[in-house]
Protein backbone atom coordinates (compact mmCIF):
# COMPACT_ATOMS: atom_id res chain seq x y z
CA MET A 1 127.23 126.05 119.86
CA ALA A 2 123.94 126.71 121.61
CA SER A 3 123.49 129.86 119.55
CA CYS A 4 123.50 128.14 116.28
CA LYS A 5 120.70 126.01 117.27
CA SER A 6 117.53 126.61 115.55
CA ASN A 7 113.94 126.75 117.09
CA ASN A 8 112.79 126.20 113.54
CA SER A 9 112.37 122.42 112.88
CA SER A 10 112.72 122.99 109.02
CA SER A 11 116.08 124.41 109.68
CA LYS A 12 118.28 121.37 110.21
CA ILE A 13 121.88 121.83 111.23
CA THR A 14 124.45 119.31 110.18
CA LEU A 15 127.47 118.63 112.28
CA VAL A 16 130.39 117.92 110.20
CA SER A 17 134.12 118.11 110.30
CA ALA A 18 135.56 120.55 107.82
CA ASP A 19 137.56 117.95 105.92
CA LYS A 20 134.29 115.89 105.44
CA LEU A 21 132.61 118.92 104.47
CA ILE A 22 134.95 119.44 101.53
CA GLU A 23 135.25 115.86 100.70
CA ASN A 24 131.53 115.60 100.49
CA ILE A 25 130.73 119.13 99.22
CA ASP A 26 127.94 118.03 96.75
CA LYS A 27 125.97 116.68 99.74
CA HIS A 28 126.29 119.88 101.89
CA VAL A 29 125.84 122.91 99.21
CA ASN A 30 122.94 125.12 100.45
CA THR A 31 122.55 123.26 103.64
CA LYS A 32 123.15 124.65 107.35
CA VAL A 33 126.16 123.23 108.82
CA GLU A 34 128.27 123.50 111.99
CA THR A 35 132.11 122.81 111.65
CA GLU A 36 135.43 123.68 113.20
CA GLY A 37 138.72 124.92 111.84
CA ARG A 38 141.79 127.13 112.55
CA VAL A 39 141.58 130.57 111.56
CA ALA A 40 144.79 131.30 109.18
CA HIS A 41 143.95 134.55 107.69
CA ILE A 42 141.36 137.54 107.88
CA CYS A 43 141.15 139.91 105.01
CA GLY A 44 143.01 143.07 105.77
CA VAL A 45 140.95 145.26 103.44
CA ASP A 46 137.58 144.79 105.00
CA GLY A 47 137.50 142.11 107.47
CA LEU A 48 134.70 140.47 105.78
CA LYS A 49 136.61 137.17 104.52
CA LEU A 50 138.18 134.82 106.79
CA LYS A 51 140.37 131.77 105.79
CA LEU A 52 139.44 128.65 107.75
CA MET A 53 141.77 125.71 107.67
CA SER A 54 140.64 122.11 108.07
CA ASP A 55 142.59 119.81 110.12
CA ASN A 56 143.97 118.33 106.89
CA GLY A 57 144.92 121.88 105.66
CA GLU A 58 142.04 122.50 103.30
CA VAL A 59 140.62 125.92 102.99
CA ILE A 60 137.12 126.96 103.69
CA VAL A 61 136.01 130.71 103.10
CA LEU A 62 133.95 132.44 105.76
CA VAL A 63 132.03 135.52 105.04
CA PRO A 64 129.40 137.00 107.50
CA GLN A 65 125.73 136.90 106.47
CA ASP A 66 125.58 140.53 107.22
CA THR A 67 128.24 143.29 107.41
CA THR A 68 129.80 142.25 110.52
CA ARG A 69 133.58 142.34 110.28
CA PHE A 70 135.65 139.35 111.54
CA ASP A 71 137.79 140.31 114.67
CA ARG A 72 141.42 140.01 114.04
CA ALA A 73 141.75 138.49 117.41
CA LEU A 74 140.15 135.31 115.91
CA ASN A 75 143.46 134.95 114.07
CA GLY A 76 145.25 131.74 114.87
CA LYS A 77 142.33 130.40 116.83
CA ARG A 78 140.35 127.37 116.49
CA VAL A 79 136.61 128.53 115.79
CA ARG A 80 133.22 126.85 115.53
CA VAL A 81 131.17 128.22 112.70
CA CYS A 82 127.57 127.66 111.83
CA GLY A 83 126.06 128.78 108.49
CA ILE A 84 125.15 127.95 104.85
CA VAL A 85 127.55 126.01 102.74
CA GLN A 86 128.24 127.45 99.01
CA GLU A 87 130.61 126.25 96.38
CA THR A 88 132.10 127.89 93.41
CA ARG A 89 133.83 125.86 90.96
CA LEU A 90 136.45 127.65 88.81
CA SER A 91 136.33 127.11 85.18
CA ASP A 92 139.34 126.76 82.72
CA ASP A 93 138.06 130.15 81.31
CA TYR A 94 138.37 131.85 84.66
CA ILE A 95 141.60 130.48 85.06
CA ASN A 96 142.89 131.32 81.50
CA GLU A 97 141.31 134.79 82.11
CA LYS A 98 143.41 135.43 85.47
CA GLU A 99 146.65 134.19 83.67
CA ASN A 100 146.23 136.52 80.91
CA GLU A 101 145.58 139.36 83.44
CA LYS A 102 148.53 138.41 85.52
CA ALA A 103 146.22 138.58 88.48
CA LEU A 104 147.58 138.38 92.03
CA LEU A 105 145.04 136.06 93.60
CA CYS A 106 143.59 136.35 97.14
CA HIS A 107 144.95 133.24 98.84
CA VAL A 108 141.43 132.94 100.77
CA ASP A 109 138.84 132.97 97.73
CA LEU A 110 141.05 132.78 94.68
CA ARG A 111 139.71 136.17 93.35
CA PRO A 112 141.87 138.89 92.34
CA CYS A 113 143.40 140.39 95.56
CA LYS A 114 141.79 143.66 96.79
CA ASP A 115 144.53 144.63 98.80
CA THR A 116 145.97 147.42 96.37
CA ASN A 117 148.93 148.25 98.90
CA TRP A 118 150.09 144.55 98.72
CA VAL A 119 149.52 144.26 95.04
CA ASN A 120 151.40 147.58 94.29
CA ALA A 121 154.18 146.67 96.36
CA HIS A 122 154.59 143.31 94.49
CA ILE A 123 154.44 145.32 91.20
CA GLU A 124 157.05 147.82 92.50
CA ALA A 125 159.24 145.15 93.49
CA GLY A 126 159.05 143.22 90.35
CA SER A 127 157.77 140.04 91.78
CA ALA A 128 154.20 140.34 90.81
CA ASN A 129 154.64 138.46 87.49
CA ASP A 130 156.18 135.36 89.19
CA LEU A 131 153.55 135.51 91.89
CA ALA A 132 150.83 135.35 89.47
CA LYS A 133 152.39 132.48 87.44
CA LYS A 134 152.76 130.43 90.84
CA ASP A 135 148.97 131.27 91.70
CA ILE A 136 147.79 130.17 88.34
CA GLU A 137 150.05 126.88 88.19
CA LYS A 138 148.70 125.95 91.78
CA LEU A 139 145.15 126.32 90.10
CA ARG A 140 146.02 124.12 87.28
CA GLN A 141 147.74 121.56 89.69
CA LYS A 142 144.27 121.49 91.70
CA LYS A 143 142.26 121.07 88.64
CA GLU A 144 144.37 118.34 87.41
CA ALA A 145 144.31 116.49 90.55
CA LYS A 146 140.67 116.70 91.27
CA GLY A 147 139.05 117.55 87.80
CA TYR A 148 138.01 120.81 89.11
CA VAL A 149 139.03 123.95 91.58
CA SER A 150 136.36 124.14 94.38
CA VAL A 151 135.99 127.22 96.56
CA VAL A 152 133.90 126.19 99.62
CA THR A 153 132.28 128.94 101.35
CA ILE A 154 130.29 129.20 104.53
CA VAL A 155 128.18 132.31 104.61
CA ALA A 156 128.35 132.42 108.56
CA GLU A 157 125.50 133.26 110.99
CA LYS A 158 127.57 132.43 114.11
CA TRP A 159 130.96 131.91 115.21
CA GLU A 160 132.92 131.44 118.24
CA ILE A 161 136.54 130.62 119.70
CA VAL A 162 136.77 127.18 120.99
CA GLY A 163 140.54 126.90 121.33
CA ASN A 164 143.79 128.58 121.26
CA LEU A 165 146.35 127.61 118.72
CA ASP A 166 148.83 130.43 118.76
């Protein structure tokens, strides 16, 4: 991605597969990377979050470095992205708090979902509590398997479609 290349030699960009990025997250936090994946979802509320799936099905959250919204035409496409890597590890306290709140979690960044229409529809249908329990159970399984729950985010400077998957 030519537009991702920096003229500033102090701004090194690491080319890494999305799976290797997640596997070696400690090595990549606060670094600029270029990686690829499939767009699985774009936030319907504000278009400022994108769920990027690695080849092995791992999730990376993309957020733009500014207020640029992700174009819905990216959905289902393979994209190349360049940006700064961040990681948030969810604590037991966070998981317990969300369990007590019976929060419906965003499947992109695991925070409470901001889509009030979607949340209210589940409340009205009577499925909210079961869905919240499933979300918390998934978090606990991830934590048990790995010792922690990691939310990997790339603050995206540039992104481009590199292939069609739909």
